PDB file of N, CA and C in Angstrom:
ATOM      1  N   UNK A   1     125.388  95.311  87.918  1.00  0.00           N
ATOM      2  CA  UNK A   1     124.384  96.370  88.257  1.00  0.00           C
ATOM      3  C   UNK A   1     123.684  95.985  89.590  1.00  0.00           C
ATOM      4  N   UNK A   2     123.412  97.025  90.363  1.00  0.00           N
ATOM      5  CA  UNK A   2     122.709  96.814  91.629  1.00  0.00           C
ATOM      6  C   UNK A   2     121.329  96.308  91.446  1.00  0.00           C
ATOM      7  N   UNK A   3     120.641  96.681  90.394  1.00  0.00           N
ATOM      8  CA  UNK A   3     119.292  96.270  90.196  1.00  0.00           C
ATOM      9  C   UNK A   3     119.159  94.777  89.901  1.00  0.00           C
ATOM     10  N   UNK A   4     120.204  94.128  89.447  1.00  0.00           N
ATOM     11  CA  UNK A   4     120.106  92.701  89.113  1.00  0.00           C
ATOM     12  C   UNK A   4     120.483  91.829  90.308  1.00  0.00           C
ATOM     13  N   UNK A   5     120.835  92.442  91.399  1.00  0.00           N
ATOM     14  CA  UNK A   5     121.193  91.580  92.559  1.00  0.00           C
ATOM     15  C   UNK A   5     119.938  91.068  93.198  1.00  0.00           C
ATOM     16  N   UNK A   6     119.943  89.829  93.662  1.00  0.00           N
ATOM     17  CA  UNK A   6     118.733  89.241  94.311  1.00  0.00           C
ATOM     18  C   UNK A   6     118.556  89.909  95.706  1.00  0.00           C
ATOM     19  N   UNK A   7     117.325  89.964  96.089  1.00  0.00           N
ATOM     20  CA  UNK A   7     117.045  90.507  97.443  1.00  0.00           C
ATOM     21  C   UNK A   7     117.508  89.552  98.520  1.00  0.00           C
ATOM     22  N   UNK A   8     118.016  90.007  99.623  1.00  0.00           N
ATOM     23  CA  UNK A   8     118.358  89.125 100.720  1.00  0.00           C
ATOM     24  C   UNK A   8     117.114  88.430 101.239  1.00  0.00           C
ATOM     25  N   UNK A   9     117.293  87.169 101.575  1.00  0.00           N
ATOM     26  CA  UNK A   9     116.160  86.418 102.199  1.00  0.00           C
ATOM     27  C   UNK A   9     115.667  87.044 103.431  1.00  0.00           C
ATOM     28  N   UNK A  10     116.558  87.695 104.195  1.00  0.00           N
ATOM     29  CA  UNK A  10     116.155  88.319 105.468  1.00  0.00           C
ATOM     30  C   UNK A  10     115.085  89.389 105.194  1.00  0.00           C
ATOM     31  N   UNK A  11     115.248  90.155 104.155  1.00  0.00           N
ATOM     32  CA  UNK A  11     114.262  91.208 103.914  1.00  0.00           C
ATOM     33  C   UNK A  11     112.933  90.624 103.470  1.00  0.00           C
ATOM     34  N   UNK A  12     112.927  89.589 102.758  1.00  0.00           N
ATOM     35  CA  UNK A  12     111.682  88.842 102.397  1.00  0.00           C
ATOM     36  C   UNK A  12     111.034  88.298 103.655  1.00  0.00           C
ATOM     37  N   UNK A  13     111.817  87.710 104.512  1.00  0.00           N
ATOM     38  CA  UNK A  13     111.282  87.117 105.754  1.00  0.00           C
ATOM     39  C   UNK A  13     110.623  88.188 106.601  1.00  0.00           C
ATOM     40  N   UNK A  14     111.131  89.388 106.559  1.00  0.00           N
ATOM     41  CA  UNK A  14     110.490  90.530 107.373  1.00  0.00           C
ATOM     42  C   UNK A  14     109.060  90.732 106.949  1.00  0.00           C
ATOM     43  N   UNK A  15     108.765  90.503 105.681  1.00  0.00           N
ATOM     44  CA  UNK A  15     107.334  90.684 105.242  1.00  0.00           C
ATOM     45  C   UNK A  15     106.463  89.670 105.944  1.00  0.00           C
ATOM     46  N   UNK A  16     106.928  88.425 106.043  1.00  0.00           N
ATOM     47  CA  UNK A  16     106.155  87.390 106.737  1.00  0.00           C
ATOM     48  C   UNK A  16     105.997  87.684 108.160  1.00  0.00           C
ATOM     49  N   UNK A  17     107.043  88.243 108.783  1.00  0.00           N
ATOM     50  CA  UNK A  17     106.979  88.601 110.189  1.00  0.00           C
ATOM     51  C   UNK A  17     105.927  89.705 110.364  1.00  0.00           C
ATOM     52  N   UNK A  18     105.924  90.692 109.467  1.00  0.00           N
ATOM     53  CA  UNK A  18     104.913  91.779 109.560  1.00  0.00           C
ATOM     54  C   UNK A  18     103.492  91.224 109.415  1.00  0.00           C
ATOM     55  N   UNK A  19     103.310  90.265 108.473  1.00  0.00           N
ATOM     56  CA  UNK A  19     101.987  89.645 108.294  1.00  0.00           C
ATOM     57  C   UNK A  19     101.499  88.959 109.518  1.00  0.00           C
ATOM     58  N   UNK A  20     102.408  88.230 110.227  1.00  0.00           N
ATOM     59  CA  UNK A  20     102.017  87.504 111.434  1.00  0.00           C
ATOM     60  C   UNK A  20     101.704  88.490 112.550  1.00  0.00           C
ATOM     61  N   UNK A  21     102.464  89.597 112.657  1.00  0.00           N
ATOM     62  CA  UNK A  21     102.189  90.573 113.712  1.00  0.00           C
ATOM     63  C   UNK A  21     100.874  91.344 113.385  1.00  0.00           C
ATOM     64  N   UNK A  22     100.656  91.630 112.145  1.00  0.00           N
ATOM     65  CA  UNK A  22      99.418  92.305 111.805  1.00  0.00           C
ATOM     66  C   UNK A  22      98.174  91.350 112.094  1.00  0.00           C
ATOM     67  N   UNK A  23      98.272  90.071 111.708  1.00  0.00           N
ATOM     68  CA  UNK A  23      97.217  89.213 112.070  1.00  0.00           C
ATOM     69  C   UNK A  23      96.967  89.197 113.567  1.00  0.00           C
ATOM     70  N   UNK A  24      98.016  89.066 114.356  1.00  0.00           N
ATOM     71  CA  UNK A  24      97.847  89.050 115.828  1.00  0.00           C
ATOM     72  C   UNK A  24      97.191  90.320 116.330  1.00  0.00           C
ATOM     73  N   UNK A  25      97.631  91.465 115.776  1.00  0.00           N
ATOM     74  CA  UNK A  25      97.020  92.748 116.219  1.00  0.00           C
ATOM     75  C   UNK A  25      95.574  92.839 115.792  1.00  0.00           C
ATOM     76  N   UNK A  26      95.250  92.394 114.558  1.00  0.00           N
ATOM     77  CA  UNK A  26      93.854  92.418 114.126  1.00  0.00           C
ATOM     78  C   UNK A  26      92.953  91.519 114.908  1.00  0.00           C
ATOM     79  N   UNK A  27      93.482  90.343 115.356  1.00  0.00           N
ATOM     80  CA  UNK A  27      92.728  89.413 116.199  1.00  0.00           C
ATOM     81  C   UNK A  27      92.499  90.105 117.571  1.00  0.00           C
ATOM     82  N   UNK A  28      93.519  90.671 118.126  1.00  0.00           N
ATOM     83  CA  UNK A  28      93.387  91.351 119.408  1.00  0.00           C
ATOM     84  C   UNK A  28      92.358  92.496 119.368  1.00  0.00           C
ATOM     85  N   UNK A  29      92.267  93.121 118.197  1.00  0.00           N
ATOM     86  CA  UNK A  29      91.369  94.297 117.985  1.00  0.00           C
ATOM     87  C   UNK A  29      89.988  93.810 117.692  1.00  0.00           C
ATOM     88  N   UNK A  30      89.802  92.503 117.444  1.00  0.00           N
ATOM     89  CA  UNK A  30      88.508  91.944 117.084  1.00  0.00           C
ATOM     90  C   UNK A  30      88.097  92.136 115.646  1.00  0.00           C
ATOM     91  N   UNK A  31      89.121  92.320 114.794  1.00  0.00           N
ATOM     92  CA  UNK A  31      88.851  92.533 113.403  1.00  0.00           C
ATOM     93  C   UNK A  31      89.496  91.495 112.458  1.00  0.00           C
ATOM     94  N   UNK A  32      89.500  90.299 112.943  1.00  0.00           N
ATOM     95  CA  UNK A  32      90.002  89.167 112.084  1.00  0.00           C
ATOM     96  C   UNK A  32      88.831  88.268 111.824  1.00  0.00           C
ATOM     97  N   UNK A  33      88.830  87.435 110.796  1.00  0.00           N
ATOM     98  CA  UNK A  33      87.768  86.573 110.341  1.00  0.00           C
ATOM     99  C   UNK A  33      86.574  87.386 109.896  1.00  0.00           C
ATOM    100  N   UNK A  34      86.878  88.524 109.233  1.00  0.00           N
ATOM    101  CA  UNK A  34      85.823  89.320 108.599  1.00  0.00           C
ATOM    102  C   UNK A  34      85.391  88.539 107.280  1.00  0.00           C
ATOM    103  N   UNK A  35      84.236  88.850 106.796  1.00  0.00           N
ATOM    104  CA  UNK A  35      83.825  88.184 105.528  1.00  0.00           C
ATOM    105  C   UNK A  35      84.785  88.447 104.397  1.00  0.00           C
ATOM    106  N   UNK A  36      85.053  87.386 103.669  1.00  0.00           N
ATOM    107  CA  UNK A  36      85.940  87.514 102.448  1.00  0.00           C
ATOM    108  C   UNK A  36      85.237  88.194 101.359  1.00  0.00           C
ATOM    109  N   UNK A  37      86.017  88.843 100.459  1.00  0.00           N
ATOM    110  CA  UNK A  37      85.382  89.493  99.292  1.00  0.00           C
ATOM    111  C   UNK A  37      84.637  88.552  98.434  1.00  0.00           C
ATOM    112  N   UNK A  38      83.507  88.893  97.921  1.00  0.00           N
ATOM    113  CA  UNK A  38      82.762  88.047  97.085  1.00  0.00           C
ATOM    114  C   UNK A  38      83.001  88.203  95.531  1.00  0.00           C
ATOM    115  N   UNK A  39      83.650  89.242  95.254  1.00  0.00           N
ATOM    116  CA  UNK A  39      83.971  89.536  93.872  1.00  0.00           C
ATOM    117  C   UNK A  39      85.333  90.269  93.800  1.00  0.00           C
ATOM    118  N   UNK A  40      85.624  90.865  92.640  1.00  0.00           N
ATOM    119  CA  UNK A  40      86.877  91.594  92.532  1.00  0.00           C
ATOM    120  C   UNK A  40      86.948  92.776  93.449  1.00  0.00           C
ATOM    121  N   UNK A  41      88.133  93.062  93.910  1.00  0.00           N
ATOM    122  CA  UNK A  41      88.348  94.212  94.771  1.00  0.00           C
ATOM    123  C   UNK A  41      88.986  95.283  93.885  1.00  0.00           C
ATOM    124  N   UNK A  42      88.346  96.386  93.724  1.00  0.00           N
ATOM    125  CA  UNK A  42      88.680  97.392  92.679  1.00  0.00           C
ATOM    126  C   UNK A  42      89.547  98.558  93.163  1.00  0.00           C
ATOM    127  N   UNK A  43      89.254  99.118  94.253  1.00  0.00           N
ATOM    128  CA  UNK A  43      89.874 100.426  94.631  1.00  0.00           C
ATOM    129  C   UNK A  43      91.035 100.315  95.522  1.00  0.00           C
ATOM    130  N   UNK A  44      91.661 101.435  95.774  1.00  0.00           N
ATOM    131  CA  UNK A  44      92.786 101.501  96.750  1.00  0.00           C
ATOM    132  C   UNK A  44      92.327 101.066  98.088  1.00  0.00           C
ATOM    133  N   UNK A  45      93.147 100.228  98.718  1.00  0.00           N
ATOM    134  CA  UNK A  45      92.772  99.723 100.089  1.00  0.00           C
ATOM    135  C   UNK A  45      91.472  98.990 100.122  1.00  0.00           C
ATOM    136  N   UNK A  46      91.024  98.508  98.982  1.00  0.00           N
ATOM    137  CA  UNK A  46      89.772  97.742  98.927  1.00  0.00           C
ATOM    138  C   UNK A  46      88.519  98.533  98.776  1.00  0.00           C
ATOM    139  N   UNK A  47      88.534  99.792  98.972  1.00  0.00           N
ATOM    140  CA  UNK A  47      87.348 100.598  98.837  1.00  0.00           C
ATOM    141  C   UNK A  47      86.867 100.672  97.342  1.00  0.00           C
ATOM    142  N   UNK A  48      85.602 100.633  97.135  1.00  0.00           N
ATOM    143  CA  UNK A  48      84.494 100.556  98.022  1.00  0.00           C
ATOM    144  C   UNK A  48      84.054  99.135  98.322  1.00  0.00           C
ATOM    145  N   UNK A  49      84.815  98.105  97.902  1.00  0.00           N
ATOM    146  CA  UNK A  49      84.297  96.699  98.024  1.00  0.00           C
ATOM    147  C   UNK A  49      84.583  96.137  99.415  1.00  0.00           C
ATOM    148  N   UNK A  50      85.563  96.616 100.151  1.00  0.00           N
ATOM    149  CA  UNK A  50      85.902  96.082 101.416  1.00  0.00           C
ATOM    150  C   UNK A  50      86.085  97.169 102.494  1.00  0.00           C
ATOM    151  N   UNK A  51      85.749  96.879 103.708  1.00  0.00           N
ATOM    152  CA  UNK A  51      86.185  97.777 104.775  1.00  0.00           C
ATOM    153  C   UNK A  51      87.706  97.683 104.942  1.00  0.00           C
ATOM    154  N   UNK A  52      88.375  98.629 105.465  1.00  0.00           N
ATOM    155  CA  UNK A  52      89.830  98.617 105.594  1.00  0.00           C
ATOM    156  C   UNK A  52      90.328  97.361 106.389  1.00  0.00           C
ATOM    157  N   UNK A  53      89.739  97.004 107.513  1.00  0.00           N
ATOM    158  CA  UNK A  53      90.224  95.782 108.197  1.00  0.00           C
ATOM    159  C   UNK A  53      90.058  94.507 107.309  1.00  0.00           C
ATOM    160  N   UNK A  54      89.002  94.468 106.555  1.00  0.00           N
ATOM    161  CA  UNK A  54      88.839  93.320 105.631  1.00  0.00           C
ATOM    162  C   UNK A  54      89.976  93.288 104.629  1.00  0.00           C
ATOM    163  N   UNK A  55      90.341  94.445 104.097  1.00  0.00           N
ATOM    164  CA  UNK A  55      91.364  94.526 103.081  1.00  0.00           C
ATOM    165  C   UNK A  55      92.739  94.090 103.758  1.00  0.00           C
ATOM    166  N   UNK A  56      92.966  94.498 104.985  1.00  0.00           N
ATOM    167  CA  UNK A  56      94.152  94.065 105.645  1.00  0.00           C
ATOM    168  C   UNK A  56      94.263  92.553 105.787  1.00  0.00           C
ATOM    169  N   UNK A  57      93.114  91.953 106.162  1.00  0.00           N
ATOM    170  CA  UNK A  57      93.086  90.473 106.282  1.00  0.00           C
ATOM    171  C   UNK A  57      93.147  89.747 105.036  1.00  0.00           C
ATOM    172  N   UNK A  58      92.328  90.147 104.058  1.00  0.00           N
ATOM    173  CA  UNK A  58      92.112  89.273 102.876  1.00  0.00           C
ATOM    174  C   UNK A  58      93.018  89.639 101.695  1.00  0.00           C
ATOM    175  N   UNK A  59      93.586  90.864 101.727  1.00  0.00           N
ATOM    176  CA  UNK A  59      94.422  91.258 100.584  1.00  0.00           C
ATOM    177  C   UNK A  59      95.834  91.439 101.064  1.00  0.00           C
ATOM    178  N   UNK A  60      96.035  92.306 102.070  1.00  0.00           N
ATOM    179  CA  UNK A  60      97.416  92.677 102.473  1.00  0.00           C
ATOM    180  C   UNK A  60      98.153  91.503 103.109  1.00  0.00           C
ATOM    181  N   UNK A  61      97.568  90.860 104.117  1.00  0.00           N
ATOM    182  CA  UNK A  61      98.299  89.786 104.820  1.00  0.00           C
ATOM    183  C   UNK A  61      98.701  88.637 103.815  1.00  0.00           C
ATOM    184  N   UNK A  62      97.775  88.164 102.958  1.00  0.00           N
ATOM    185  CA  UNK A  62      98.246  87.159 101.997  1.00  0.00           C
ATOM    186  C   UNK A  62      99.321  87.632 101.044  1.00  0.00           C
ATOM    187  N   UNK A  63      99.239  88.878 100.662  1.00  0.00           N
ATOM    188  CA  UNK A  63     100.291  89.430  99.791  1.00  0.00           C
ATOM    189  C   UNK A  63     101.641  89.489 100.503  1.00  0.00           C
ATOM    190  N   UNK A  64     101.639  89.938 101.737  1.00  0.00           N
ATOM    191  CA  UNK A  64     102.869  89.939 102.517  1.00  0.00           C
ATOM    192  C   UNK A  64     103.470  88.532 102.640  1.00  0.00           C
ATOM    193  N   UNK A  65     102.627  87.548 102.904  1.00  0.00           N
ATOM    194  CA  UNK A  65     103.065  86.176 102.945  1.00  0.00           C
ATOM    195  C   UNK A  65     103.650  85.709 101.652  1.00  0.00           C
ATOM    196  N   UNK A  66     102.998  86.110 100.558  1.00  0.00           N
ATOM    197  CA  UNK A  66     103.490  85.700  99.243  1.00  0.00           C
ATOM    198  C   UNK A  66     104.871  86.321  98.916  1.00  0.00           C
ATOM    199  N   UNK A  67     105.040  87.590  99.354  1.00  0.00           N
ATOM    200  CA  UNK A  67     106.344  88.258  99.209  1.00  0.00           C
ATOM    201  C   UNK A  67     107.379  87.507  99.974  1.00  0.00           C
ATOM    202  N   UNK A  68     107.030  87.121 101.278  1.00  0.00           N
ATOM    203  CA  UNK A  68     107.945  86.390 102.104  1.00  0.00           C
ATOM    204  C   UNK A  68     108.336  85.051 101.465  1.00  0.00           C
ATOM    205  N   UNK A  69     107.364  84.425 100.804  1.00  0.00           N
ATOM    206  CA  UNK A  69     107.580  83.129 100.210  1.00  0.00           C
ATOM    207  C   UNK A  69     108.286  83.189  98.847  1.00  0.00           C
ATOM    208  N   UNK A  70     108.363  84.405  98.327  1.00  0.00           N
ATOM    209  CA  UNK A  70     109.079  84.593  97.030  1.00  0.00           C
ATOM    210  C   UNK A  70     108.207  84.424  95.804  1.00  0.00           C
ATOM    211  N   UNK A  71     106.909  84.396  96.022  1.00  0.00           N
ATOM    212  CA  UNK A  71     105.999  84.260  94.827  1.00  0.00           C
ATOM    213  C   UNK A  71     105.472  85.577  94.351  1.00  0.00           C
ATOM    214  N   UNK A  72     105.676  86.640  95.096  1.00  0.00           N
ATOM    215  CA  UNK A  72     105.334  88.004  94.685  1.00  0.00           C
ATOM    216  C   UNK A  72     106.495  88.910  94.963  1.00  0.00           C
ATOM    217  N   UNK A  73     106.595  90.033  94.250  1.00  0.00           N
ATOM    218  CA  UNK A  73     107.613  91.005  94.528  1.00  0.00           C
ATOM    219  C   UNK A  73     107.161  92.019  95.508  1.00  0.00           C
ATOM    220  N   UNK A  74     108.112  92.567  96.283  1.00  0.00           N
ATOM    221  CA  UNK A  74     107.763  93.628  97.170  1.00  0.00           C
ATOM    222  C   UNK A  74     107.300  94.893  96.410  1.00  0.00           C
ATOM    223  N   UNK A  75     106.410  95.640  97.016  1.00  0.00           N
ATOM    224  CA  UNK A  75     105.996  96.907  96.360  1.00  0.00           C
ATOM    225  C   UNK A  75     107.093  97.934  96.301  1.00  0.00           C
ATOM    226  N   UNK A  76     106.995  98.837  95.372  1.00  0.00           N
ATOM    227  CA  UNK A  76     107.999  99.911  95.221  1.00  0.00           C
ATOM    228  C   UNK A  76     107.810 101.017  96.296  1.00  0.00           C
ATOM    229  N   UNK A  77     106.544 101.117  96.781  1.00  0.00           N
ATOM    230  CA  UNK A  77     106.232 102.106  97.807  1.00  0.00           C
ATOM    231  C   UNK A  77     105.037 101.619  98.679  1.00  0.00           C
ATOM    232  N   UNK A  78     104.936 102.222  99.817  1.00  0.00           N
ATOM    233  CA  UNK A  78     103.808 101.900 100.688  1.00  0.00           C
ATOM    234  C   UNK A  78     103.441 103.069 101.559  1.00  0.00           C
ATOM    235  N   UNK A  79     102.123 103.349 101.643  1.00  0.00           N
ATOM    236  CA  UNK A  79     101.601 104.372 102.477  1.00  0.00           C
ATOM    237  C   UNK A  79     100.417 103.897 103.243  1.00  0.00           C
ATOM    238  N   UNK A  80     100.458 102.614 103.571  1.00  0.00           N
ATOM    239  CA  UNK A  80      99.289 102.009 104.222  1.00  0.00           C
ATOM    240  C   UNK A  80      99.194 102.523 105.704  1.00  0.00           C
ATOM    241  N   UNK A  81     100.237 102.936 106.343  1.00  0.00           N
ATOM    242  CA  UNK A  81     100.102 103.466 107.702  1.00  0.00           C
ATOM    243  C   UNK A  81      99.321 104.777 107.678  1.00  0.00           C
ATOM    244  N   UNK A  82      99.488 105.585 106.688  1.00  0.00           N
ATOM    245  CA  UNK A  82      98.690 106.846 106.603  1.00  0.00           C
ATOM    246  C   UNK A  82      97.233 106.562 106.466  1.00  0.00           C
ATOM    247  N   UNK A  83      96.923 105.537 105.697  1.00  0.00           N
ATOM    248  CA  UNK A  83      95.493 105.172 105.561  1.00  0.00           C
ATOM    249  C   UNK A  83      94.968 104.599 106.950  1.00  0.00           C
ATOM    250  N   UNK A  84      95.803 103.870 107.579  1.00  0.00           N
ATOM    251  CA  UNK A  84      95.371 103.313 108.917  1.00  0.00           C
ATOM    252  C   UNK A  84      95.137 104.444 109.913  1.00  0.00           C
ATOM    253  N   UNK A  85      95.966 105.459 109.934  1.00  0.00           N
ATOM    254  CA  UNK A  85      95.771 106.563 110.822  1.00  0.00           C
ATOM    255  C   UNK A  85      94.492 107.250 110.558  1.00  0.00           C
ATOM    256  N   UNK A  86      94.154 107.413 109.240  1.00  0.00           N
ATOM    257  CA  UNK A  86      92.820 108.064 108.904  1.00  0.00           C
ATOM    258  C   UNK A  86      91.669 107.101 109.304  1.00  0.00           C
ATOM    259  N   UNK A  87      91.839 105.846 109.014  1.00  0.00           N
ATOM    260  CA  UNK A  87      90.729 104.874 109.232  1.00  0.00           C
ATOM    261  C   UNK A  87      90.425 104.708 110.700  1.00  0.00           C
ATOM    262  N   UNK A  88      91.463 104.639 111.550  1.00  0.00           N
ATOM    263  CA  UNK A  88      91.315 104.373 112.946  1.00  0.00           C
ATOM    264  C   UNK A  88      91.463 105.637 113.816  1.00  0.00           C
ATOM    265  N   UNK A  89      91.226 106.805 113.211  1.00  0.00           N
ATOM    266  CA  UNK A  89      91.357 108.046 113.920  1.00  0.00           C
ATOM    267  C   UNK A  89      90.514 108.028 115.190  1.00  0.00           C
ATOM    268  N   UNK A  90      91.135 108.328 116.333  1.00  0.00           N
ATOM    269  CA  UNK A  90      90.393 108.417 117.595  1.00  0.00           C
ATOM    270  C   UNK A  90      90.251 107.060 118.251  1.00  0.00           C
ATOM    271  N   UNK A  91      90.715 106.022 117.716  1.00  0.00           N
ATOM    272  CA  UNK A  91      90.581 104.709 118.277  1.00  0.00           C
ATOM    273  C   UNK A  91      91.898 104.196 118.835  1.00  0.00           C
ATOM    274  N   UNK A  92      92.187 104.496 120.153  1.00  0.00           N
ATOM    275  CA  UNK A  92      93.463 104.141 120.714  1.00  0.00           C
ATOM    276  C   UNK A  92      93.742 102.630 120.644  1.00  0.00           C
ATOM    277  N   UNK A  93      92.748 101.816 120.654  1.00  0.00           N
ATOM    278  CA  UNK A  93      92.963 100.347 120.588  1.00  0.00           C
ATOM    279  C   UNK A  93      93.580  99.884 119.329  1.00  0.00           C
ATOM    280  N   UNK A  94      93.504 100.667 118.316  1.00  0.00           N
ATOM    281  CA  UNK A  94      94.122 100.322 116.987  1.00  0.00           C
ATOM    282  C   UNK A  94      95.574 100.686 116.899  1.00  0.00           C
ATOM    283  N   UNK A  95      96.146 101.271 117.906  1.00  0.00           N
ATOM    284  CA  UNK A  95      97.523 101.697 117.957  1.00  0.00           C
ATOM    285  C   UNK A  95      98.490 100.608 117.486  1.00  0.00           C
ATOM    286  N   UNK A  96      98.400  99.364 117.994  1.00  0.00           N
ATOM    287  CA  UNK A  96      99.297  98.291 117.557  1.00  0.00           C
ATOM    288  C   UNK A  96      99.162  98.018 116.098  1.00  0.00           C
ATOM    289  N   UNK A  97      98.026  98.084 115.495  1.00  0.00           N
ATOM    290  CA  UNK A  97      97.850  97.920 114.042  1.00  0.00           C
ATOM    291  C   UNK A  97      98.586  98.975 113.249  1.00  0.00           C
ATOM    292  N   UNK A  98      98.411 100.204 113.709  1.00  0.00           N
ATOM    293  CA  UNK A  98      99.108 101.332 112.986  1.00  0.00           C
ATOM    294  C   UNK A  98     100.593 101.184 113.162  1.00  0.00           C
ATOM    295  N   UNK A  99     101.071 100.776 114.311  1.00  0.00           N
ATOM    296  CA  UNK A  99     102.515 100.574 114.513  1.00  0.00           C
ATOM    297  C   UNK A  99     103.109  99.495 113.567  1.00  0.00           C
ATOM    298  N   UNK A 100     102.322  98.397 113.401  1.00  0.00           N
ATOM    299  CA  UNK A 100     102.786  97.361 112.474  1.00  0.00           C
ATOM    300  C   UNK A 100     102.827  97.875 111.066  1.00  0.00           C
ATOM    301  N   UNK A 101     101.863  98.620 110.676  1.00  0.00           N
ATOM    302  CA  UNK A 101     101.814  99.183 109.316  1.00  0.00           C
ATOM    303  C   UNK A 101     102.875 100.182 109.046  1.00  0.00           C
ATOM    304  N   UNK A 102     103.257 100.914 110.115  1.00  0.00           N
ATOM    305  CA  UNK A 102     104.378 101.798 110.005  1.00  0.00           C
ATOM    306  C   UNK A 102     105.659 100.984 109.737  1.00  0.00           C
ATOM    307  N   UNK A 103     105.809  99.858 110.408  1.00  0.00           N
ATOM    308  CA  UNK A 103     106.984  98.970 110.164  1.00  0.00           C
ATOM    309  C   UNK A 103     107.018  98.569 108.621  1.00  0.00           C
ATOM    310  N   UNK A 104     105.800  98.212 108.142  1.00  0.00           N
ATOM    311  CA  UNK A 104     105.722  97.823 106.720  1.00  0.00           C
ATOM    312  C   UNK A 104     106.218  98.989 105.827  1.00  0.00           C
ATOM    313  N   UNK A 105     105.669 100.153 106.051  1.00  0.00           N
ATOM    314  CA  UNK A 105     106.096 101.292 105.225  1.00  0.00           C
ATOM    315  C   UNK A 105     107.562 101.523 105.306  1.00  0.00           C
ATOM    316  N   UNK A 106     108.200 101.384 106.487  1.00  0.00           N
ATOM    317  CA  UNK A 106     109.651 101.574 106.617  1.00  0.00           C
ATOM    318  C   UNK A 106     110.399 100.481 105.870  1.00  0.00           C
ATOM    319  N   UNK A 107     109.871  99.252 105.963  1.00  0.00           N
ATOM    320  CA  UNK A 107     110.532  98.167 105.274  1.00  0.00           C
ATOM    321  C   UNK A 107     110.540  98.384 103.778  1.00  0.00           C
ATOM    322  N   UNK A 108     109.375  98.771 103.252  1.00  0.00           N
ATOM    323  CA  UNK A 108     109.250  98.967 101.839  1.00  0.00           C
ATOM    324  C   UNK A 108     110.160 100.119 101.355  1.00  0.00           C
ATOM    325  N   UNK A 109     110.215 101.176 102.131  1.00  0.00           N
ATOM    326  CA  UNK A 109     110.996 102.372 101.720  1.00  0.00           C
ATOM    327  C   UNK A 109     112.487 102.194 101.948  1.00  0.00           C
ATOM    328  N   UNK A 110     112.901 101.184 102.701  1.00  0.00           N
ATOM    329  CA  UNK A 110     114.355 100.983 102.975  1.00  0.00           C
ATOM    330  C   UNK A 110     115.061 100.270 101.804  1.00  0.00           C
TER     331      UNK A 110
END
């Protein structure tokens, strides 16, 4: 069965590459080293407990690295780029962040 086949290591590695690119873009944007969450994160994309950039740094990047390392499974779907477009609406400087998140959505959906 196709479902029982292991995922290629290359596809897992792509999650780590996206995490590194996202970190680089968040640093360039000035949105890295945000305060870490002090308690549980409850809602989608961290709301209302975290601002979206905090969620990207403290929740998404570590999860992407865990997927790359094989300790977590890839998600079944991703719409994080749509959230980024809404969150960063009108901010041209956030374009590289949105582009990276589009890569993630495409990776998940492929």
